[in-house]
Amino acid sequence: MTIEGLQKKVDDWINEYGVRYFDEMTNTAMLMEEVGEVARIMARRYGEQSEKESDKGKDLGEELADVLFVLVCLANQTGIDLEKAMAENFKKKTKRDENRHRENEKLK
């Protein structure tokens, strides 16, 4: 699936099942909530915190998909073409970081 296809699929789902988009501020708060759920899994499963029994069944992929879904909602409702934005982002990063990471002693 392309990013453009994902944006359309989310929009179609919202229009069929979601009635309408939540407002931008609500979706921003929801994005933070979903990112927090990812952070909880990462801290407990891959970090140094111990994983609680109630967290062991959590699916990281599902939580990352929740983040992506809300992020796409925000892009759709604010008129952002994520494919174009990502292409520009890669150009910016490539120009800025062309040698930066290869020359970083911390990464060797």
N, C-alpha and C. Protein backbone atom coordinates (compact mmCIF):
# COMPACT_ATOMS: atom_id res chain seq x y z
N MET A 1 0.85 -1.18 0.00
CA MET A 1 0.00 0.00 0.00
C MET A 1 0.89 1.24 0.00
N THR A 2 0.55 2.18 -0.82
CA THR A 2 1.27 3.45 -0.84
C THR A 2 0.77 4.32 0.31
N ILE A 3 1.53 5.37 0.59
CA ILE A 3 1.08 6.32 1.61
C ILE A 3 -0.20 7.00 1.13
N GLU A 4 -0.24 7.34 -0.15
CA GLU A 4 -1.46 7.94 -0.72
C GLU A 4 -2.65 6.99 -0.55
N GLY A 5 -2.42 5.72 -0.80
CA GLY A 5 -3.47 4.72 -0.62
C GLY A 5 -3.91 4.60 0.82
N LEU A 6 -2.96 4.68 1.74
CA LEU A 6 -3.29 4.64 3.17
C LEU A 6 -4.13 5.85 3.55
N GLN A 7 -3.76 7.01 3.06
CA GLN A 7 -4.54 8.21 3.39
C GLN A 7 -5.97 8.07 2.87
N LYS A 8 -6.12 7.53 1.68
CA LYS A 8 -7.47 7.34 1.14
C LYS A 8 -8.24 6.30 1.94
N LYS A 9 -7.57 5.20 2.28
CA LYS A 9 -8.23 4.13 3.03
C LYS A 9 -8.71 4.63 4.40
N VAL A 10 -7.90 5.42 5.08
CA VAL A 10 -8.30 5.99 6.36
C VAL A 10 -9.49 6.93 6.16
N ASP A 11 -9.42 7.77 5.13
CA ASP A 11 -10.51 8.69 4.85
C ASP A 11 -11.80 7.94 4.55
N ASP A 12 -11.71 6.89 3.73
CA ASP A 12 -12.89 6.08 3.43
C ASP A 12 -13.46 5.46 4.69
N TRP A 13 -12.59 4.95 5.56
CA TRP A 13 -13.05 4.32 6.82
C TRP A 13 -13.76 5.35 7.71
N ILE A 14 -13.15 6.52 7.83
CA ILE A 14 -13.75 7.58 8.65
C ILE A 14 -15.14 7.92 8.11
N ASN A 15 -15.25 8.07 6.81
CA ASN A 15 -16.54 8.44 6.22
C ASN A 15 -17.59 7.34 6.34
N GLU A 16 -17.16 6.08 6.33
CA GLU A 16 -18.12 4.98 6.42
C GLU A 16 -18.46 4.62 7.87
N TYR A 17 -17.46 4.56 8.74
CA TYR A 17 -17.67 4.07 10.10
C TYR A 17 -17.51 5.12 11.18
N GLY A 18 -16.70 6.11 10.92
CA GLY A 18 -16.38 7.09 11.96
C GLY A 18 -17.29 8.30 11.97
N VAL A 19 -18.19 8.41 11.02
CA VAL A 19 -19.11 9.53 10.85
C VAL A 19 -18.37 10.78 10.38
N ARG A 20 -17.37 11.20 11.14
CA ARG A 20 -16.54 12.36 10.77
C ARG A 20 -15.24 12.28 11.54
N TYR A 21 -14.28 13.09 11.14
CA TYR A 21 -13.03 13.18 11.89
C TYR A 21 -13.29 13.88 13.22
N PHE A 22 -12.61 13.43 14.27
CA PHE A 22 -12.58 14.23 15.49
C PHE A 22 -11.83 15.51 15.15
N ASP A 23 -12.04 16.58 15.91
CA ASP A 23 -11.32 17.81 15.60
C ASP A 23 -9.81 17.61 15.81
N GLU A 24 -9.04 18.52 15.25
CA GLU A 24 -7.59 18.38 15.24
C GLU A 24 -6.99 18.29 16.65
N MET A 25 -7.53 19.05 17.57
CA MET A 25 -6.98 19.00 18.93
C MET A 25 -7.29 17.67 19.60
N THR A 26 -8.48 17.13 19.37
CA THR A 26 -8.82 15.82 19.93
C THR A 26 -7.90 14.76 19.32
N ASN A 27 -7.69 14.81 18.01
CA ASN A 27 -6.81 13.83 17.38
C ASN A 27 -5.36 13.99 17.84
N THR A 28 -4.94 15.21 18.12
CA THR A 28 -3.59 15.40 18.65
C THR A 28 -3.47 14.75 20.03
N ALA A 29 -4.47 14.94 20.86
CA ALA A 29 -4.47 14.29 22.19
C ALA A 29 -4.50 12.77 22.04
N MET A 30 -5.29 12.28 21.10
CA MET A 30 -5.35 10.83 20.87
C MET A 30 -4.01 10.30 20.38
N LEU A 31 -3.32 11.07 19.54
CA LEU A 31 -2.00 10.67 19.06
C LEU A 31 -1.03 10.54 20.24
N MET A 32 -1.07 11.50 21.15
CA MET A 32 -0.19 11.45 22.32
C MET A 32 -0.51 10.23 23.18
N GLU A 33 -1.78 9.92 23.31
CA GLU A 33 -2.20 8.75 24.08
C GLU A 33 -1.67 7.47 23.44
N GLU A 34 -1.80 7.36 22.13
CA GLU A 34 -1.32 6.17 21.42
C GLU A 34 0.20 6.04 21.49
N VAL A 35 0.90 7.16 21.36
CA VAL A 35 2.36 7.15 21.48
C VAL A 35 2.76 6.71 22.89
N GLY A 36 1.99 7.13 23.88
CA GLY A 36 2.25 6.70 25.26
C GLY A 36 2.11 5.19 25.42
N GLU A 37 1.15 4.60 24.73
CA GLU A 37 0.98 3.15 24.80
C GLU A 37 2.17 2.43 24.17
N VAL A 38 2.70 2.98 23.08
CA VAL A 38 3.91 2.42 22.47
C VAL A 38 5.09 2.56 23.43
N ALA A 39 5.20 3.73 24.04
CA ALA A 39 6.30 3.97 24.98
C ALA A 39 6.24 3.01 26.17
N ARG A 40 5.05 2.73 26.64
CA ARG A 40 4.89 1.80 27.76
C ARG A 40 5.42 0.41 27.41
N ILE A 41 5.05 -0.06 26.21
CA ILE A 41 5.53 -1.38 25.77
C ILE A 41 7.05 -1.35 25.64
N MET A 42 7.57 -0.33 25.00
CA MET A 42 9.01 -0.25 24.76
C MET A 42 9.79 -0.20 26.08
N ALA A 43 9.31 0.59 27.03
CA ALA A 43 10.00 0.73 28.31
C ALA A 43 9.99 -0.57 29.10
N ARG A 44 8.91 -1.31 29.00
CA ARG A 44 8.77 -2.53 29.80
C ARG A 44 9.32 -3.78 29.08
N ARG A 45 9.12 -3.85 27.80
CA ARG A 45 9.55 -5.04 27.07
C ARG A 45 11.00 -4.95 26.60
N TYR A 46 11.42 -3.76 26.19
CA TYR A 46 12.75 -3.61 25.62
C TYR A 46 13.66 -2.74 26.49
N GLY A 47 13.08 -2.01 27.41
CA GLY A 47 13.86 -1.16 28.30
C GLY A 47 14.10 -1.84 29.63
N GLU A 48 14.39 -1.05 30.63
CA GLU A 48 14.78 -1.58 31.93
C GLU A 48 13.63 -1.75 32.91
N GLN A 49 12.47 -1.22 32.59
CA GLN A 49 11.33 -1.43 33.49
C GLN A 49 10.84 -2.86 33.39
N SER A 50 10.32 -3.38 34.51
CA SER A 50 9.76 -4.73 34.46
C SER A 50 8.38 -4.67 33.83
N GLU A 51 8.07 -5.72 33.09
CA GLU A 51 6.79 -5.79 32.39
C GLU A 51 5.74 -6.37 33.32
N LYS A 52 4.65 -5.64 33.47
CA LYS A 52 3.54 -6.11 34.31
C LYS A 52 2.79 -7.21 33.56
N GLU A 53 2.16 -8.09 34.32
CA GLU A 53 1.37 -9.16 33.71
C GLU A 53 0.34 -8.60 32.73
N SER A 54 -0.28 -7.49 33.13
CA SER A 54 -1.33 -6.90 32.29
C SER A 54 -0.79 -6.33 30.98
N ASP A 55 0.53 -6.10 30.89
CA ASP A 55 1.13 -5.55 29.67
C ASP A 55 1.65 -6.64 28.73
N LYS A 56 1.78 -7.87 29.22
CA LYS A 56 2.43 -8.92 28.43
C LYS A 56 1.66 -9.29 27.16
N GLY A 57 0.37 -9.10 27.15
CA GLY A 57 -0.42 -9.44 25.97
C GLY A 57 -0.53 -8.30 24.96
N LYS A 58 0.05 -7.15 25.27
CA LYS A 58 -0.05 -6.00 24.37
C LYS A 58 0.76 -6.25 23.10
N ASP A 59 0.18 -5.90 21.98
CA ASP A 59 0.79 -6.12 20.67
C ASP A 59 1.40 -4.81 20.19
N LEU A 60 2.73 -4.77 20.10
CA LEU A 60 3.42 -3.56 19.66
C LEU A 60 2.98 -3.14 18.26
N GLY A 61 2.83 -4.10 17.36
CA GLY A 61 2.39 -3.78 16.01
C GLY A 61 1.03 -3.09 15.99
N GLU A 62 0.13 -3.59 16.81
CA GLU A 62 -1.20 -2.98 16.90
C GLU A 62 -1.12 -1.55 17.42
N GLU A 63 -0.27 -1.35 18.41
CA GLU A 63 -0.14 0.00 18.97
C GLU A 63 0.53 0.95 17.98
N LEU A 64 1.52 0.47 17.23
CA LEU A 64 2.15 1.31 16.20
C LEU A 64 1.15 1.64 15.10
N ALA A 65 0.29 0.69 14.75
CA ALA A 65 -0.75 0.94 13.75
C ALA A 65 -1.74 1.99 14.25
N ASP A 66 -2.06 1.96 15.55
CA ASP A 66 -2.94 2.99 16.12
C ASP A 66 -2.31 4.37 15.98
N VAL A 67 -1.00 4.47 16.23
CA VAL A 67 -0.28 5.75 16.08
C VAL A 67 -0.38 6.21 14.63
N LEU A 68 -0.10 5.30 13.71
CA LEU A 68 -0.12 5.64 12.29
C LEU A 68 -1.51 6.08 11.84
N PHE A 69 -2.54 5.38 12.31
CA PHE A 69 -3.91 5.72 11.94
C PHE A 69 -4.25 7.17 12.34
N VAL A 70 -3.95 7.52 13.58
CA VAL A 70 -4.29 8.87 14.06
C VAL A 70 -3.42 9.90 13.35
N LEU A 71 -2.16 9.57 13.09
CA LEU A 71 -1.28 10.47 12.37
C LEU A 71 -1.82 10.75 10.97
N VAL A 72 -2.30 9.71 10.31
CA VAL A 72 -2.89 9.87 8.97
C VAL A 72 -4.18 10.70 9.06
N CYS A 73 -4.96 10.49 10.10
CA CYS A 73 -6.16 11.32 10.29
C CYS A 73 -5.78 12.80 10.35
N LEU A 74 -4.76 13.12 11.13
CA LEU A 74 -4.32 14.51 11.26
C LEU A 74 -3.84 15.05 9.91
N ALA A 75 -3.10 14.25 9.16
CA ALA A 75 -2.65 14.70 7.84
C ALA A 75 -3.84 14.95 6.93
N ASN A 76 -4.78 14.02 6.92
CA ASN A 76 -5.95 14.18 6.05
C ASN A 76 -6.73 15.44 6.38
N GLN A 77 -6.99 15.65 7.64
CA GLN A 77 -7.86 16.78 7.98
C GLN A 77 -7.16 18.12 7.91
N THR A 78 -5.84 18.13 7.80
CA THR A 78 -5.11 19.39 7.65
C THR A 78 -4.57 19.58 6.24
N GLY A 79 -4.95 18.66 5.33
CA GLY A 79 -4.58 18.81 3.92
C GLY A 79 -3.14 18.48 3.60
N ILE A 80 -2.51 17.63 4.39
CA ILE A 80 -1.12 17.25 4.15
C ILE A 80 -1.06 16.00 3.28
N ASP A 81 -0.31 16.08 2.20
CA ASP A 81 -0.02 14.93 1.36
C ASP A 81 1.24 14.30 1.96
N LEU A 82 1.07 13.21 2.69
CA LEU A 82 2.19 12.60 3.41
C LEU A 82 3.26 12.05 2.47
N GLU A 83 2.87 11.59 1.29
CA GLU A 83 3.88 11.10 0.34
C GLU A 83 4.80 12.23 -0.06
N LYS A 84 4.22 13.37 -0.38
CA LYS A 84 5.01 14.55 -0.76
C LYS A 84 5.83 15.03 0.43
N ALA A 85 5.23 15.08 1.60
CA ALA A 85 5.93 15.55 2.80
C ALA A 85 7.12 14.64 3.13
N MET A 86 6.93 13.32 2.98
CA MET A 86 8.03 12.39 3.25
C MET A 86 9.15 12.53 2.22
N ALA A 87 8.79 12.74 0.96
CA ALA A 87 9.82 12.93 -0.07
C ALA A 87 10.66 14.16 0.25
N GLU A 88 10.02 15.24 0.64
CA GLU A 88 10.73 16.46 1.02
C GLU A 88 11.56 16.24 2.27
N ASN A 89 11.04 15.46 3.22
CA ASN A 89 11.75 15.17 4.45
C ASN A 89 13.04 14.39 4.17
N PHE A 90 12.96 13.40 3.26
CA PHE A 90 14.16 12.65 2.91
C PHE A 90 15.19 13.54 2.23
N LYS A 91 14.75 14.46 1.38
CA LYS A 91 15.68 15.40 0.75
C LYS A 91 16.40 16.22 1.81
N LYS A 92 15.62 16.75 2.76
CA LYS A 92 16.18 17.58 3.83
C LYS A 92 17.19 16.78 4.65
N LYS A 93 16.81 15.58 5.06
CA LYS A 93 17.69 14.75 5.88
C LYS A 93 18.96 14.36 5.12
N THR A 94 18.81 14.03 3.84
CA THR A 94 19.96 13.63 3.05
C THR A 94 20.95 14.78 2.91
N LYS A 95 20.44 15.96 2.63
CA LYS A 95 21.31 17.13 2.50
C LYS A 95 21.98 17.45 3.84
N ARG A 96 21.23 17.43 4.90
CA ARG A 96 21.74 17.79 6.23
C ARG A 96 22.68 16.73 6.79
N ASP A 97 22.36 15.46 6.57
CA ASP A 97 23.06 14.37 7.25
C ASP A 97 23.90 13.50 6.33
N GLU A 98 24.23 14.03 5.15
CA GLU A 98 24.93 13.22 4.16
C GLU A 98 26.12 12.47 4.76
N ASN A 99 26.92 13.15 5.56
CA ASN A 99 28.09 12.52 6.17
C ASN A 99 28.03 12.47 7.68
N ARG A 100 27.08 13.15 8.24
CA ARG A 100 27.02 13.32 9.70
C ARG A 100 27.05 12.00 10.47
N HIS A 101 26.24 11.06 10.09
CA HIS A 101 26.15 9.80 10.84
C HIS A 101 27.37 8.91 10.60
N ARG A 102 27.87 8.91 9.37
CA ARG A 102 29.08 8.12 9.07
C ARG A 102 30.28 8.64 9.82
N GLU A 103 30.30 9.95 10.10
CA GLU A 103 31.43 10.56 10.81
C GLU A 103 31.24 10.60 12.31
N ASN A 104 30.12 10.13 12.79
CA ASN A 104 29.82 10.16 14.22
C ASN A 104 30.55 9.01 14.92
N GLU A 105 31.52 9.34 15.74
CA GLU A 105 32.30 8.32 16.46
C GLU A 105 31.43 7.46 17.36
N LYS A 106 30.35 8.00 17.86
CA LYS A 106 29.46 7.26 18.75
C LYS A 106 28.77 6.11 18.04
N LEU A 107 28.68 6.17 16.72
CA LEU A 107 27.98 5.14 15.97
C LEU A 107 28.92 4.06 15.43
N LYS A 108 30.19 4.19 15.70
CA LYS A 108 31.16 3.19 15.19
C LYS A 108 31.36 2.07 16.17
